[in-house]
Amino acid sequence: MTAHEVARLLPEVARLRDLCRAMAMLEAILSPEWESRYHSFNRNWSPGEEMASMRNGSGDEYSIVFMSGGAYVRGFDHESAMSPYAHEDHEPWPGLLDSVPDVFGHCVTEPAFCDENGVPTVTVCLWREPLDDGWRVGEIDYPTNREDPDGSTHLFGLLIDPAPEAFKRFAEDYYGVPVDVEAVRALYELRPLTQETVSLLNAGVLVESLAEDLAEIGYPIAT
């Protein structure tokens, strides 16, 4: 799979944003320690922008910036042949960023998405503007003889399979605990958070202790 296949499977912007918020809230419940989480969401990333992110602790990550002008997706697989560090010039793969619209230009050069030398740490890039009828990708000649040349398959698996069962499998494997699929479904549907749902996922967490995460993610809570 490559970014071109991901572009056909990725949910539209509003649904993707909701999915990212749900996954971030689920991990906040499963892992009170932020450093241990895969997924996060910050609705106050910068003025007028929100950001969803994933970091697996092994050097692979993605960032999704949501704004009025659409959404920008950047992924980095540190072992990909398309990594800037896999080549002597340490430049992004040809065609990867060349077609990014001006509205997302600041995301390309965002320091948080670049190394200390200003090189974008990216092997996958997609974007979608409000009038687009789908996600867009640059003109790219991918490395041959590689099943996952840009890292899309393992970076975006939970985004292109937006089913509660997929998150349950991921969380049980990563956290090593049983995960209630109906509780996951409740969050995937953005139902207001209750203590009952929290307890189904993590009996040691009180909903009151999630106040900071709820505010950062912008997840609804039952009143």
N, C-alpha and C. Protein backbone atom coordinates (compact mmCIF):
# COMPACT_ATOMS: atom_id res chain seq x y z
N MET A 1 0.84 -1.20 0.00
CA MET A 1 0.00 0.00 0.00
C MET A 1 0.87 1.24 0.00
N THR A 2 0.40 2.30 -0.68
CA THR A 2 1.08 3.59 -0.68
C THR A 2 0.08 4.68 -0.32
N ALA A 3 0.56 5.91 -0.27
CA ALA A 3 -0.32 7.05 0.04
C ALA A 3 -1.47 7.15 -0.96
N HIS A 4 -1.25 6.71 -2.19
CA HIS A 4 -2.32 6.77 -3.18
C HIS A 4 -3.48 5.85 -2.82
N GLU A 5 -3.18 4.67 -2.29
CA GLU A 5 -4.24 3.77 -1.81
C GLU A 5 -4.89 4.35 -0.55
N VAL A 6 -4.08 4.88 0.35
CA VAL A 6 -4.62 5.49 1.57
C VAL A 6 -5.59 6.62 1.22
N ALA A 7 -5.25 7.40 0.21
CA ALA A 7 -6.10 8.52 -0.19
C ALA A 7 -7.50 8.07 -0.57
N ARG A 8 -7.62 6.87 -1.11
CA ARG A 8 -8.93 6.36 -1.50
C ARG A 8 -9.71 5.80 -0.32
N LEU A 9 -9.02 5.45 0.76
CA LEU A 9 -9.66 4.80 1.91
C LEU A 9 -9.87 5.72 3.11
N LEU A 10 -9.14 6.82 3.16
CA LEU A 10 -9.19 7.71 4.32
C LEU A 10 -10.56 8.39 4.41
N PRO A 11 -11.14 8.48 5.61
CA PRO A 11 -12.43 9.17 5.76
C PRO A 11 -12.32 10.64 5.37
N GLU A 12 -13.45 11.24 5.06
CA GLU A 12 -13.43 12.68 4.76
C GLU A 12 -13.04 13.46 6.03
N VAL A 13 -12.73 14.73 5.87
CA VAL A 13 -12.05 15.49 6.93
C VAL A 13 -12.81 15.47 8.26
N ALA A 14 -14.10 15.76 8.25
CA ALA A 14 -14.84 15.84 9.51
C ALA A 14 -14.86 14.49 10.22
N ARG A 15 -15.07 13.43 9.46
CA ARG A 15 -15.09 12.09 10.07
C ARG A 15 -13.70 11.71 10.57
N LEU A 16 -12.68 12.07 9.82
CA LEU A 16 -11.31 11.77 10.27
C LEU A 16 -11.01 12.50 11.57
N ARG A 17 -11.43 13.75 11.67
CA ARG A 17 -11.21 14.52 12.90
C ARG A 17 -11.90 13.84 14.08
N ASP A 18 -13.13 13.41 13.90
CA ASP A 18 -13.86 12.73 14.98
C ASP A 18 -13.17 11.44 15.38
N LEU A 19 -12.69 10.68 14.39
CA LEU A 19 -12.00 9.43 14.67
C LEU A 19 -10.73 9.68 15.48
N CYS A 20 -9.99 10.71 15.11
CA CYS A 20 -8.76 11.03 15.82
C CYS A 20 -9.04 11.46 17.26
N ARG A 21 -10.10 12.22 17.45
CA ARG A 21 -10.47 12.63 18.81
C ARG A 21 -10.86 11.42 19.65
N ALA A 22 -11.62 10.50 19.05
CA ALA A 22 -12.05 9.30 19.78
C ALA A 22 -10.85 8.45 20.19
N MET A 23 -9.91 8.24 19.28
CA MET A 23 -8.74 7.42 19.61
C MET A 23 -7.89 8.08 20.70
N ALA A 24 -7.76 9.39 20.62
CA ALA A 24 -6.99 10.10 21.65
C ALA A 24 -7.66 9.97 23.01
N MET A 25 -8.98 10.06 23.05
CA MET A 25 -9.69 9.95 24.33
C MET A 25 -9.60 8.53 24.88
N LEU A 26 -9.69 7.56 24.00
CA LEU A 26 -9.56 6.18 24.43
C LEU A 26 -8.20 5.94 25.07
N GLU A 27 -7.15 6.46 24.45
CA GLU A 27 -5.82 6.24 25.01
C GLU A 27 -5.60 7.03 26.30
N ALA A 28 -6.26 8.17 26.41
CA ALA A 28 -6.16 8.92 27.67
C ALA A 28 -6.74 8.12 28.82
N ILE A 29 -7.78 7.34 28.54
CA ILE A 29 -8.39 6.50 29.56
C ILE A 29 -7.54 5.26 29.84
N LEU A 30 -7.06 4.64 28.78
CA LEU A 30 -6.27 3.42 28.93
C LEU A 30 -4.89 3.68 29.52
N SER A 31 -4.34 4.87 29.24
CA SER A 31 -2.98 5.19 29.68
C SER A 31 -2.94 6.58 30.30
N PRO A 32 -3.17 6.70 31.60
CA PRO A 32 -3.10 8.02 32.25
C PRO A 32 -1.77 8.73 32.03
N GLU A 33 -0.68 7.97 31.81
CA GLU A 33 0.62 8.58 31.55
C GLU A 33 0.72 8.92 30.07
N TRP A 34 0.80 10.23 29.77
CA TRP A 34 0.80 10.69 28.37
C TRP A 34 1.93 10.08 27.56
N GLU A 35 3.09 9.90 28.16
CA GLU A 35 4.27 9.43 27.44
C GLU A 35 4.07 8.03 26.87
N SER A 36 3.15 7.26 27.41
CA SER A 36 2.95 5.89 26.96
C SER A 36 1.91 5.78 25.85
N ARG A 37 1.27 6.87 25.51
CA ARG A 37 0.20 6.81 24.52
C ARG A 37 0.73 6.86 23.08
N TYR A 38 0.00 6.19 22.20
CA TYR A 38 0.27 6.28 20.77
C TYR A 38 -0.35 7.55 20.19
N HIS A 39 -1.62 7.74 20.47
CA HIS A 39 -2.42 8.77 19.80
C HIS A 39 -2.76 9.93 20.73
N SER A 40 -2.73 11.13 20.18
CA SER A 40 -3.12 12.32 20.94
C SER A 40 -3.84 13.30 20.02
N PHE A 41 -4.49 14.26 20.63
CA PHE A 41 -5.21 15.28 19.86
C PHE A 41 -5.18 16.58 20.65
N ASN A 42 -4.82 17.67 19.98
CA ASN A 42 -4.75 18.98 20.62
C ASN A 42 -5.58 19.97 19.81
N ARG A 43 -6.71 20.37 20.37
CA ARG A 43 -7.58 21.28 19.62
C ARG A 43 -7.06 22.71 19.66
N ASN A 44 -6.02 22.97 20.43
CA ASN A 44 -5.41 24.30 20.50
C ASN A 44 -3.95 24.24 20.04
N TRP A 45 -3.70 23.43 19.02
CA TRP A 45 -2.34 23.26 18.50
C TRP A 45 -1.73 24.61 18.14
N SER A 46 -2.46 25.44 17.41
CA SER A 46 -2.05 26.79 17.08
C SER A 46 -3.30 27.57 16.72
N PRO A 47 -3.24 28.90 16.66
CA PRO A 47 -4.47 29.66 16.38
C PRO A 47 -5.18 29.18 15.11
N GLY A 48 -6.41 28.74 15.28
CA GLY A 48 -7.21 28.30 14.15
C GLY A 48 -6.87 26.91 13.65
N GLU A 49 -6.02 26.17 14.36
CA GLU A 49 -5.62 24.84 13.91
C GLU A 49 -5.67 23.82 15.04
N GLU A 50 -6.03 22.61 14.69
CA GLU A 50 -6.00 21.48 15.61
C GLU A 50 -5.05 20.42 15.05
N MET A 51 -4.49 19.59 15.92
CA MET A 51 -3.58 18.56 15.43
C MET A 51 -3.82 17.22 16.11
N ALA A 52 -3.92 16.20 15.27
CA ALA A 52 -3.91 14.82 15.75
C ALA A 52 -2.53 14.25 15.48
N SER A 53 -2.05 13.40 16.37
CA SER A 53 -0.72 12.84 16.15
C SER A 53 -0.64 11.41 16.65
N MET A 54 0.33 10.69 16.09
CA MET A 54 0.64 9.33 16.51
C MET A 54 2.16 9.21 16.58
N ARG A 55 2.64 8.61 17.67
CA ARG A 55 4.06 8.30 17.81
C ARG A 55 4.17 6.93 18.45
N ASN A 56 4.92 6.03 17.79
CA ASN A 56 4.98 4.66 18.30
C ASN A 56 6.18 4.40 19.19
N GLY A 57 6.98 5.44 19.46
CA GLY A 57 8.12 5.28 20.34
C GLY A 57 9.33 4.65 19.69
N SER A 58 9.21 4.27 18.43
CA SER A 58 10.32 3.65 17.71
C SER A 58 10.78 4.48 16.52
N GLY A 59 10.28 5.72 16.44
CA GLY A 59 10.70 6.61 15.36
C GLY A 59 9.69 6.81 14.26
N ASP A 60 8.55 6.12 14.34
CA ASP A 60 7.50 6.29 13.34
C ASP A 60 6.41 7.19 13.90
N GLU A 61 5.85 8.05 13.06
CA GLU A 61 4.86 9.01 13.56
C GLU A 61 4.04 9.60 12.42
N TYR A 62 2.92 10.20 12.80
CA TYR A 62 2.19 11.03 11.84
C TYR A 62 1.61 12.23 12.55
N SER A 63 1.31 13.25 11.78
CA SER A 63 0.66 14.46 12.28
C SER A 63 -0.42 14.85 11.28
N ILE A 64 -1.59 15.22 11.78
CA ILE A 64 -2.68 15.67 10.93
C ILE A 64 -3.12 17.03 11.44
N VAL A 65 -2.98 18.04 10.60
CA VAL A 65 -3.36 19.40 10.97
C VAL A 65 -4.72 19.71 10.35
N PHE A 66 -5.69 20.05 11.20
CA PHE A 66 -7.03 20.41 10.75
C PHE A 66 -7.18 21.92 10.83
N MET A 67 -7.69 22.53 9.76
CA MET A 67 -7.86 23.97 9.72
C MET A 67 -9.03 24.31 8.81
N SER A 68 -9.40 25.59 8.76
CA SER A 68 -10.51 25.99 7.91
C SER A 68 -10.23 25.70 6.44
N GLY A 69 -8.95 25.68 6.07
CA GLY A 69 -8.58 25.41 4.69
C GLY A 69 -8.50 23.94 4.35
N GLY A 70 -8.89 23.06 5.29
CA GLY A 70 -8.88 21.62 5.02
C GLY A 70 -8.04 20.87 6.02
N ALA A 71 -7.28 19.91 5.56
CA ALA A 71 -6.44 19.09 6.43
C ALA A 71 -5.18 18.66 5.71
N TYR A 72 -4.09 18.61 6.47
CA TYR A 72 -2.78 18.22 5.95
C TYR A 72 -2.29 17.02 6.75
N VAL A 73 -1.89 15.97 6.07
CA VAL A 73 -1.44 14.74 6.70
C VAL A 73 0.02 14.50 6.35
N ARG A 74 0.83 14.31 7.38
CA ARG A 74 2.26 14.03 7.17
C ARG A 74 2.63 12.82 8.01
N GLY A 75 3.26 11.83 7.37
CA GLY A 75 3.68 10.64 8.06
C GLY A 75 5.16 10.39 7.85
N PHE A 76 5.78 9.73 8.83
CA PHE A 76 7.21 9.43 8.72
C PHE A 76 7.49 8.02 9.21
N ASP A 77 8.01 7.19 8.31
CA ASP A 77 8.45 5.84 8.62
C ASP A 77 9.97 5.86 8.59
N HIS A 78 10.60 5.71 9.75
CA HIS A 78 12.05 5.92 9.83
C HIS A 78 12.85 4.86 9.08
N GLU A 79 12.21 3.72 8.77
CA GLU A 79 12.93 2.67 8.03
C GLU A 79 12.59 2.68 6.54
N SER A 80 11.76 3.58 6.10
CA SER A 80 11.36 3.62 4.70
C SER A 80 12.51 4.02 3.78
N ALA A 81 12.53 3.43 2.60
CA ALA A 81 13.51 3.83 1.59
C ALA A 81 13.26 5.26 1.11
N MET A 82 12.10 5.81 1.44
CA MET A 82 11.77 7.18 1.06
C MET A 82 12.13 8.20 2.13
N SER A 83 12.73 7.74 3.22
CA SER A 83 13.17 8.67 4.27
C SER A 83 14.28 9.58 3.74
N PRO A 84 14.28 10.84 4.13
CA PRO A 84 15.38 11.73 3.73
C PRO A 84 16.75 11.20 4.15
N TYR A 85 16.77 10.42 5.21
CA TYR A 85 18.04 9.92 5.74
C TYR A 85 18.54 8.67 5.03
N ALA A 86 17.72 8.17 4.08
CA ALA A 86 18.14 7.00 3.31
C ALA A 86 18.96 7.41 2.09
N HIS A 87 19.19 8.73 1.93
CA HIS A 87 19.89 9.24 0.75
C HIS A 87 20.90 10.29 1.16
N GLU A 88 21.94 10.42 0.40
CA GLU A 88 23.03 11.32 0.76
C GLU A 88 22.61 12.78 0.82
N ASP A 89 21.66 13.18 -0.04
CA ASP A 89 21.29 14.60 -0.07
C ASP A 89 20.37 14.99 1.08
N HIS A 90 19.81 13.99 1.81
CA HIS A 90 18.92 14.27 2.95
C HIS A 90 17.78 15.20 2.57
N GLU A 91 17.20 14.97 1.39
CA GLU A 91 16.07 15.75 0.92
C GLU A 91 14.83 14.87 0.87
N PRO A 92 13.62 15.47 1.00
CA PRO A 92 12.40 14.67 0.86
C PRO A 92 12.36 13.97 -0.50
N TRP A 93 11.69 12.84 -0.55
CA TRP A 93 11.57 12.05 -1.77
C TRP A 93 10.98 12.91 -2.90
N PRO A 94 11.50 12.79 -4.10
CA PRO A 94 11.00 13.59 -5.23
C PRO A 94 9.49 13.47 -5.42
N GLY A 95 8.84 14.61 -5.56
CA GLY A 95 7.40 14.65 -5.80
C GLY A 95 6.55 14.61 -4.55
N LEU A 96 7.15 14.27 -3.43
CA LEU A 96 6.37 14.08 -2.20
C LEU A 96 5.69 15.37 -1.75
N LEU A 97 6.43 16.48 -1.81
CA LEU A 97 5.92 17.76 -1.29
C LEU A 97 5.74 18.82 -2.37
N ASP A 98 6.12 18.51 -3.60
CA ASP A 98 6.14 19.53 -4.65
C ASP A 98 4.77 20.11 -4.97
N SER A 99 3.71 19.33 -4.80
CA SER A 99 2.38 19.76 -5.19
C SER A 99 1.52 20.25 -4.03
N VAL A 100 2.11 20.33 -2.84
CA VAL A 100 1.33 20.76 -1.67
C VAL A 100 0.83 22.19 -1.89
N PRO A 101 -0.48 22.44 -1.79
CA PRO A 101 -1.02 23.78 -2.00
C PRO A 101 -0.46 24.80 -1.00
N ASP A 102 -0.46 26.05 -1.41
CA ASP A 102 0.09 27.11 -0.57
C ASP A 102 -0.57 27.19 0.81
N VAL A 103 -1.86 26.84 0.88
CA VAL A 103 -2.57 26.95 2.15
C VAL A 103 -1.95 26.04 3.21
N PHE A 104 -1.24 24.99 2.75
CA PHE A 104 -0.59 24.07 3.68
C PHE A 104 0.92 24.25 3.70
N GLY A 105 1.42 25.29 3.05
CA GLY A 105 2.87 25.49 2.97
C GLY A 105 3.55 25.60 4.32
N HIS A 106 2.87 26.25 5.27
CA HIS A 106 3.48 26.40 6.60
C HIS A 106 3.59 25.07 7.33
N CYS A 107 2.75 24.09 6.93
CA CYS A 107 2.84 22.77 7.56
C CYS A 107 4.10 22.04 7.06
N VAL A 108 4.45 22.26 5.82
CA VAL A 108 5.63 21.61 5.26
C VAL A 108 6.88 22.03 6.02
N THR A 109 6.95 23.31 6.36
CA THR A 109 8.15 23.86 7.01
C THR A 109 8.00 23.99 8.53
N GLU A 110 6.88 23.52 9.07
CA GLU A 110 6.66 23.58 10.52
C GLU A 110 7.83 22.92 11.25
N PRO A 111 8.48 23.63 12.18
CA PRO A 111 9.63 23.05 12.89
C PRO A 111 9.34 21.71 13.58
N ALA A 112 8.12 21.54 14.07
CA ALA A 112 7.78 20.29 14.74
C ALA A 112 7.78 19.11 13.77
N PHE A 113 7.70 19.39 12.46
CA PHE A 113 7.66 18.34 11.45
C PHE A 113 8.97 18.26 10.68
N CYS A 114 10.00 18.92 11.18
CA CYS A 114 11.31 18.94 10.53
C CYS A 114 12.39 18.57 11.54
N ASP A 115 13.57 18.21 11.03
CA ASP A 115 14.68 17.95 11.95
C ASP A 115 15.39 19.24 12.30
N GLU A 116 16.49 19.14 13.04
CA GLU A 116 17.19 20.33 13.51
C GLU A 116 17.82 21.14 12.37
N ASN A 117 17.92 20.53 11.18
CA ASN A 117 18.46 21.24 10.02
C ASN A 117 17.38 21.78 9.10
N GLY A 118 16.13 21.65 9.54
CA GLY A 118 15.02 22.16 8.75
C GLY A 118 14.55 21.22 7.66
N VAL A 119 15.04 19.97 7.66
CA VAL A 119 14.62 18.99 6.67
C VAL A 119 13.30 18.36 7.11
N PRO A 120 12.25 18.41 6.27
CA PRO A 120 10.98 17.78 6.65
C PRO A 120 11.15 16.28 6.87
N THR A 121 10.75 15.81 8.04
CA THR A 121 10.80 14.38 8.34
C THR A 121 9.49 13.78 7.84
N VAL A 122 9.50 13.33 6.61
CA VAL A 122 8.27 12.90 5.95
C VAL A 122 8.57 11.82 4.92
N THR A 123 7.72 10.79 4.91
CA THR A 123 7.76 9.78 3.85
C THR A 123 6.38 9.64 3.20
N VAL A 124 5.37 10.23 3.83
CA VAL A 124 3.99 10.21 3.33
C VAL A 124 3.39 11.59 3.47
N CYS A 125 2.68 12.05 2.46
CA CYS A 125 2.01 13.35 2.56
C CYS A 125 0.71 13.32 1.77
N LEU A 126 -0.36 13.72 2.43
CA LEU A 126 -1.67 13.85 1.79
C LEU A 126 -2.30 15.16 2.24
N TRP A 127 -3.25 15.64 1.48
CA TRP A 127 -3.95 16.86 1.87
C TRP A 127 -5.33 16.89 1.23
N ARG A 128 -6.20 17.71 1.80
CA ARG A 128 -7.55 17.85 1.25
C ARG A 128 -8.06 19.24 1.57
N GLU A 129 -8.44 19.97 0.54
CA GLU A 129 -9.05 21.30 0.70
C GLU A 129 -10.56 21.16 0.71
N PRO A 130 -11.28 22.19 1.19
CA PRO A 130 -12.73 22.06 1.37
C PRO A 130 -13.50 21.67 0.11
N LEU A 131 -13.06 22.09 -1.06
CA LEU A 131 -13.79 21.79 -2.29
C LEU A 131 -13.30 20.53 -2.99
N ASP A 132 -12.27 19.89 -2.44
CA ASP A 132 -11.78 18.65 -3.04
C ASP A 132 -12.79 17.52 -2.82
N ASP A 133 -12.89 16.63 -3.80
CA ASP A 133 -13.80 15.49 -3.64
C ASP A 133 -13.08 14.25 -3.12
N GLY A 134 -11.82 14.42 -2.74
CA GLY A 134 -11.05 13.33 -2.18
C GLY A 134 -9.70 13.83 -1.70
N TRP A 135 -8.94 12.93 -1.07
CA TRP A 135 -7.60 13.27 -0.61
C TRP A 135 -6.64 13.29 -1.80
N ARG A 136 -5.67 14.17 -1.73
CA ARG A 136 -4.73 14.34 -2.83
C ARG A 136 -3.31 13.96 -2.39
N VAL A 137 -2.53 13.51 -3.37
CA VAL A 137 -1.16 13.07 -3.15
C VAL A 137 -0.33 13.58 -4.32
N GLY A 138 0.96 13.79 -4.10
CA GLY A 138 1.83 14.28 -5.16
C GLY A 138 2.12 13.23 -6.24
N GLU A 139 2.79 13.68 -7.29
CA GLU A 139 3.23 12.77 -8.36
C GLU A 139 4.50 12.08 -7.90
N ILE A 140 4.40 10.80 -7.59
CA ILE A 140 5.50 10.09 -6.94
C ILE A 140 5.84 8.80 -7.67
N ASP A 141 7.11 8.58 -7.91
CA ASP A 141 7.60 7.28 -8.37
C ASP A 141 8.12 6.55 -7.14
N TYR A 142 7.39 5.52 -6.73
CA TYR A 142 7.74 4.82 -5.50
C TYR A 142 8.89 3.83 -5.73
N PRO A 143 9.66 3.55 -4.69
CA PRO A 143 10.69 2.51 -4.80
C PRO A 143 10.05 1.19 -5.20
N THR A 144 10.73 0.42 -6.00
CA THR A 144 10.18 -0.85 -6.46
C THR A 144 10.51 -1.97 -5.48
N ASN A 145 9.76 -3.06 -5.62
CA ASN A 145 10.00 -4.28 -4.84
C ASN A 145 9.84 -4.06 -3.34
N ARG A 146 8.95 -3.17 -2.96
CA ARG A 146 8.66 -2.95 -1.53
C ARG A 146 7.15 -2.92 -1.33
N GLU A 147 6.65 -3.70 -0.37
CA GLU A 147 5.21 -3.79 -0.14
C GLU A 147 4.66 -2.52 0.49
N ASP A 148 5.44 -1.85 1.28
CA ASP A 148 4.99 -0.66 2.02
C ASP A 148 6.06 0.43 1.87
N PRO A 149 6.26 0.94 0.65
CA PRO A 149 7.43 1.79 0.39
C PRO A 149 7.49 3.07 1.20
N ASP A 150 6.33 3.67 1.50
CA ASP A 150 6.34 4.93 2.24
C ASP A 150 5.89 4.80 3.69
N GLY A 151 5.56 3.57 4.10
CA GLY A 151 5.12 3.34 5.48
C GLY A 151 3.64 3.52 5.71
N SER A 152 2.88 3.76 4.65
CA SER A 152 1.45 4.06 4.80
C SER A 152 0.68 2.95 5.51
N THR A 153 1.01 1.71 5.20
CA THR A 153 0.22 0.59 5.73
C THR A 153 0.22 0.57 7.24
N HIS A 154 1.40 0.63 7.86
CA HIS A 154 1.42 0.53 9.31
C HIS A 154 1.20 1.87 10.01
N LEU A 155 1.43 2.97 9.32
CA LEU A 155 1.19 4.27 9.94
C LEU A 155 -0.30 4.57 10.06
N PHE A 156 -1.08 4.25 9.03
CA PHE A 156 -2.47 4.71 8.96
C PHE A 156 -3.49 3.58 9.05
N GLY A 157 -3.06 2.42 9.55
CA GLY A 157 -3.96 1.28 9.61
C GLY A 157 -5.27 1.55 10.33
N LEU A 158 -5.21 2.24 11.47
CA LEU A 158 -6.43 2.50 12.24
C LEU A 158 -7.29 3.61 11.62
N LEU A 159 -6.71 4.40 10.73
CA LEU A 159 -7.48 5.47 10.10
C LEU A 159 -8.21 4.98 8.86
N ILE A 160 -7.65 3.99 8.19
CA ILE A 160 -8.32 3.46 6.99
C ILE A 160 -9.22 2.27 7.33
N ASP A 161 -9.17 1.82 8.58
CA ASP A 161 -10.09 0.79 9.08
C ASP A 161 -10.77 1.35 10.33
N PRO A 162 -11.69 2.30 10.14
CA PRO A 162 -12.28 3.01 11.29
C PRO A 162 -13.38 2.23 11.99
N ALA A 163 -13.03 1.03 12.43
CA ALA A 163 -13.99 0.18 13.14
C ALA A 163 -13.55 -0.01 14.58
N PRO A 164 -14.47 -0.03 15.53
CA PRO A 164 -14.10 -0.24 16.94
C PRO A 164 -13.30 -1.51 17.15
N GLU A 165 -13.60 -2.55 16.37
CA GLU A 165 -12.89 -3.81 16.52
C GLU A 165 -11.41 -3.66 16.20
N ALA A 166 -11.09 -2.79 15.23
CA ALA A 166 -9.69 -2.57 14.86
C ALA A 166 -8.93 -1.91 16.01
N PHE A 167 -9.56 -0.93 16.65
CA PHE A 167 -8.90 -0.29 17.80
C PHE A 167 -8.77 -1.26 18.96
N LYS A 168 -9.78 -2.08 19.18
CA LYS A 168 -9.72 -3.09 20.25
C LYS A 168 -8.50 -3.99 20.05
N ARG A 169 -8.28 -4.47 18.82
CA ARG A 169 -7.13 -5.34 18.54
C ARG A 169 -5.82 -4.61 18.81
N PHE A 170 -5.74 -3.36 18.36
CA PHE A 170 -4.52 -2.59 18.59
C PHE A 170 -4.27 -2.41 20.08
N ALA A 171 -5.28 -1.96 20.82
CA ALA A 171 -5.11 -1.63 22.23
C ALA A 171 -4.79 -2.87 23.07
N GLU A 172 -5.43 -3.98 22.75
CA GLU A 172 -5.15 -5.20 23.51
C GLU A 172 -3.72 -5.68 23.26
N ASP A 173 -3.25 -5.52 22.04
CA ASP A 173 -1.87 -5.90 21.72
C ASP A 173 -0.87 -4.96 22.38
N TYR A 174 -1.15 -3.66 22.32
CA TYR A 174 -0.19 -2.67 22.83
C TYR A 174 -0.19 -2.60 24.35
N TYR A 175 -1.37 -2.54 24.95
CA TYR A 175 -1.46 -2.38 26.40
C TYR A 175 -1.53 -3.70 27.16
N GLY A 176 -1.81 -4.78 26.44
CA GLY A 176 -1.83 -6.09 27.09
C GLY A 176 -2.95 -6.29 28.07
N VAL A 177 -4.09 -5.62 27.84
CA VAL A 177 -5.25 -5.77 28.72
C VAL A 177 -6.50 -5.98 27.86
N PRO A 178 -7.54 -6.62 28.39
CA PRO A 178 -8.79 -6.75 27.63
C PRO A 178 -9.41 -5.37 27.42
N VAL A 179 -10.00 -5.16 26.27
CA VAL A 179 -10.64 -3.87 25.95
C VAL A 179 -12.07 -4.13 25.53
N ASP A 180 -13.00 -3.47 26.19
CA ASP A 180 -14.43 -3.64 25.92
C ASP A 180 -14.79 -2.96 24.60
N VAL A 181 -15.21 -3.74 23.62
CA VAL A 181 -15.46 -3.18 22.29
C VAL A 181 -16.67 -2.24 22.29
N GLU A 182 -17.65 -2.49 23.16
CA GLU A 182 -18.82 -1.60 23.19
C GLU A 182 -18.45 -0.25 23.79
N ALA A 183 -17.50 -0.22 24.72
CA ALA A 183 -17.02 1.06 25.24
C ALA A 183 -16.26 1.80 24.16
N VAL A 184 -15.48 1.07 23.37
CA VAL A 184 -14.79 1.70 22.24
C VAL A 184 -15.80 2.27 21.26
N ARG A 185 -16.84 1.51 20.99
CA ARG A 185 -17.87 1.96 20.06
C ARG A 185 -18.53 3.25 20.55
N ALA A 186 -18.75 3.34 21.86
CA ALA A 186 -19.38 4.54 22.43
C ALA A 186 -18.52 5.77 22.14
N LEU A 187 -17.21 5.63 22.28
CA LEU A 187 -16.34 6.77 22.01
C LEU A 187 -16.20 7.04 20.52
N TYR A 188 -16.19 5.99 19.72
CA TYR A 188 -16.13 6.19 18.27
C TYR A 188 -17.37 6.94 17.77
N GLU A 189 -18.47 6.79 18.49
CA GLU A 189 -19.70 7.52 18.13
C GLU A 189 -19.78 8.87 18.85
N LEU A 190 -18.71 9.21 19.58
CA LEU A 190 -18.62 10.48 20.31
C LEU A 190 -19.77 10.68 21.29
N ARG A 191 -20.22 9.58 21.91
CA ARG A 191 -21.22 9.73 22.95
C ARG A 191 -20.58 10.42 24.15
N PRO A 192 -21.30 11.33 24.83
CA PRO A 192 -20.73 12.01 26.00
C PRO A 192 -20.16 11.02 27.01
N LEU A 193 -18.98 11.32 27.50
CA LEU A 193 -18.25 10.40 28.36
C LEU A 193 -18.92 10.28 29.73
N THR A 194 -19.05 9.05 30.20
CA THR A 194 -19.60 8.79 31.53
C THR A 194 -18.62 7.96 32.34
N GLN A 195 -18.80 7.95 33.64
CA GLN A 195 -17.95 7.12 34.50
C GLN A 195 -18.12 5.65 34.16
N GLU A 196 -19.32 5.25 33.80
CA GLU A 196 -19.57 3.85 33.46
C GLU A 196 -18.69 3.42 32.28
N THR A 197 -18.64 4.25 31.25
CA THR A 197 -17.82 3.92 30.08
C THR A 197 -16.34 3.90 30.44
N VAL A 198 -15.92 4.89 31.21
CA VAL A 198 -14.52 4.95 31.64
C VAL A 198 -14.15 3.69 32.41
N SER A 199 -15.00 3.26 33.31
CA SER A 199 -14.71 2.10 34.14
C SER A 199 -14.65 0.81 33.32
N LEU A 200 -15.43 0.73 32.25
CA LEU A 200 -15.37 -0.44 31.38
C LEU A 200 -14.00 -0.56 30.72
N LEU A 201 -13.36 0.58 30.48
CA LEU A 201 -12.06 0.60 29.82
C LEU A 201 -10.90 0.54 30.81
N ASN A 202 -11.06 1.23 31.95
CA ASN A 202 -10.00 1.26 32.95
C ASN A 202 -10.64 1.53 34.32
N ALA A 203 -10.79 0.47 35.10
CA ALA A 203 -11.48 0.58 36.39
C ALA A 203 -10.75 1.48 37.37
N GLY A 204 -9.49 1.79 37.12
CA GLY A 204 -8.73 2.62 38.04
C GLY A 204 -8.75 4.10 37.73
N VAL A 205 -9.55 4.51 36.76
CA VAL A 205 -9.58 5.91 36.35
C VAL A 205 -10.95 6.53 36.65
N LEU A 206 -10.93 7.71 37.27
CA LEU A 206 -12.15 8.47 37.51
C LEU A 206 -12.32 9.50 36.41
N VAL A 207 -13.54 9.72 35.99
CA VAL A 207 -13.78 10.66 34.90
C VAL A 207 -13.27 12.05 35.26
N GLU A 208 -13.31 12.40 36.56
CA GLU A 208 -12.85 13.72 36.99
C GLU A 208 -11.35 13.91 36.72
N SER A 209 -10.61 12.83 36.74
CA SER A 209 -9.16 12.92 36.52
C SER A 209 -8.81 13.17 35.06
N LEU A 210 -9.81 13.07 34.20
CA LEU A 210 -9.59 13.25 32.76
C LEU A 210 -9.91 14.66 32.29
N ALA A 211 -10.12 15.57 33.21
CA ALA A 211 -10.56 16.92 32.84
C ALA A 211 -9.60 17.60 31.87
N GLU A 212 -8.31 17.49 32.12
CA GLU A 212 -7.33 18.14 31.24
C GLU A 212 -7.35 17.52 29.85
N ASP A 213 -7.43 16.20 29.79
CA ASP A 213 -7.49 15.53 28.49
C ASP A 213 -8.78 15.86 27.75
N LEU A 214 -9.88 15.88 28.46
CA LEU A 214 -11.16 16.22 27.84
C LEU A 214 -11.12 17.62 27.22
N ALA A 215 -10.50 18.55 27.92
CA ALA A 215 -10.40 19.92 27.42
C ALA A 215 -9.48 20.00 26.21
N GLU A 216 -8.35 19.30 26.29
CA GLU A 216 -7.38 19.37 25.18
C GLU A 216 -7.93 18.71 23.92
N ILE A 217 -8.63 17.60 24.11
CA ILE A 217 -9.17 16.87 22.96
C ILE A 217 -10.47 17.49 22.47
N GLY A 218 -11.20 18.12 23.37
CA GLY A 218 -12.50 18.65 23.00
C GLY A 218 -13.56 17.58 22.92
N TYR A 219 -13.42 16.58 23.80
CA TYR A 219 -14.37 15.46 23.79
C TYR A 219 -15.55 15.80 24.71
N PRO A 220 -16.79 15.46 24.31
CA PRO A 220 -17.97 15.79 25.15
C PRO A 220 -18.04 14.91 26.39
N ILE A 221 -18.55 15.48 27.46
CA ILE A 221 -18.74 14.75 28.71
C ILE A 221 -20.19 14.86 29.15
N ALA A 222 -20.71 13.77 29.73
CA ALA A 222 -22.08 13.77 30.20
C ALA A 222 -22.24 14.75 31.35
N THR A 223 -23.40 15.42 31.40
CA THR A 223 -23.66 16.38 32.49
C THR A 223 -24.72 15.83 33.42
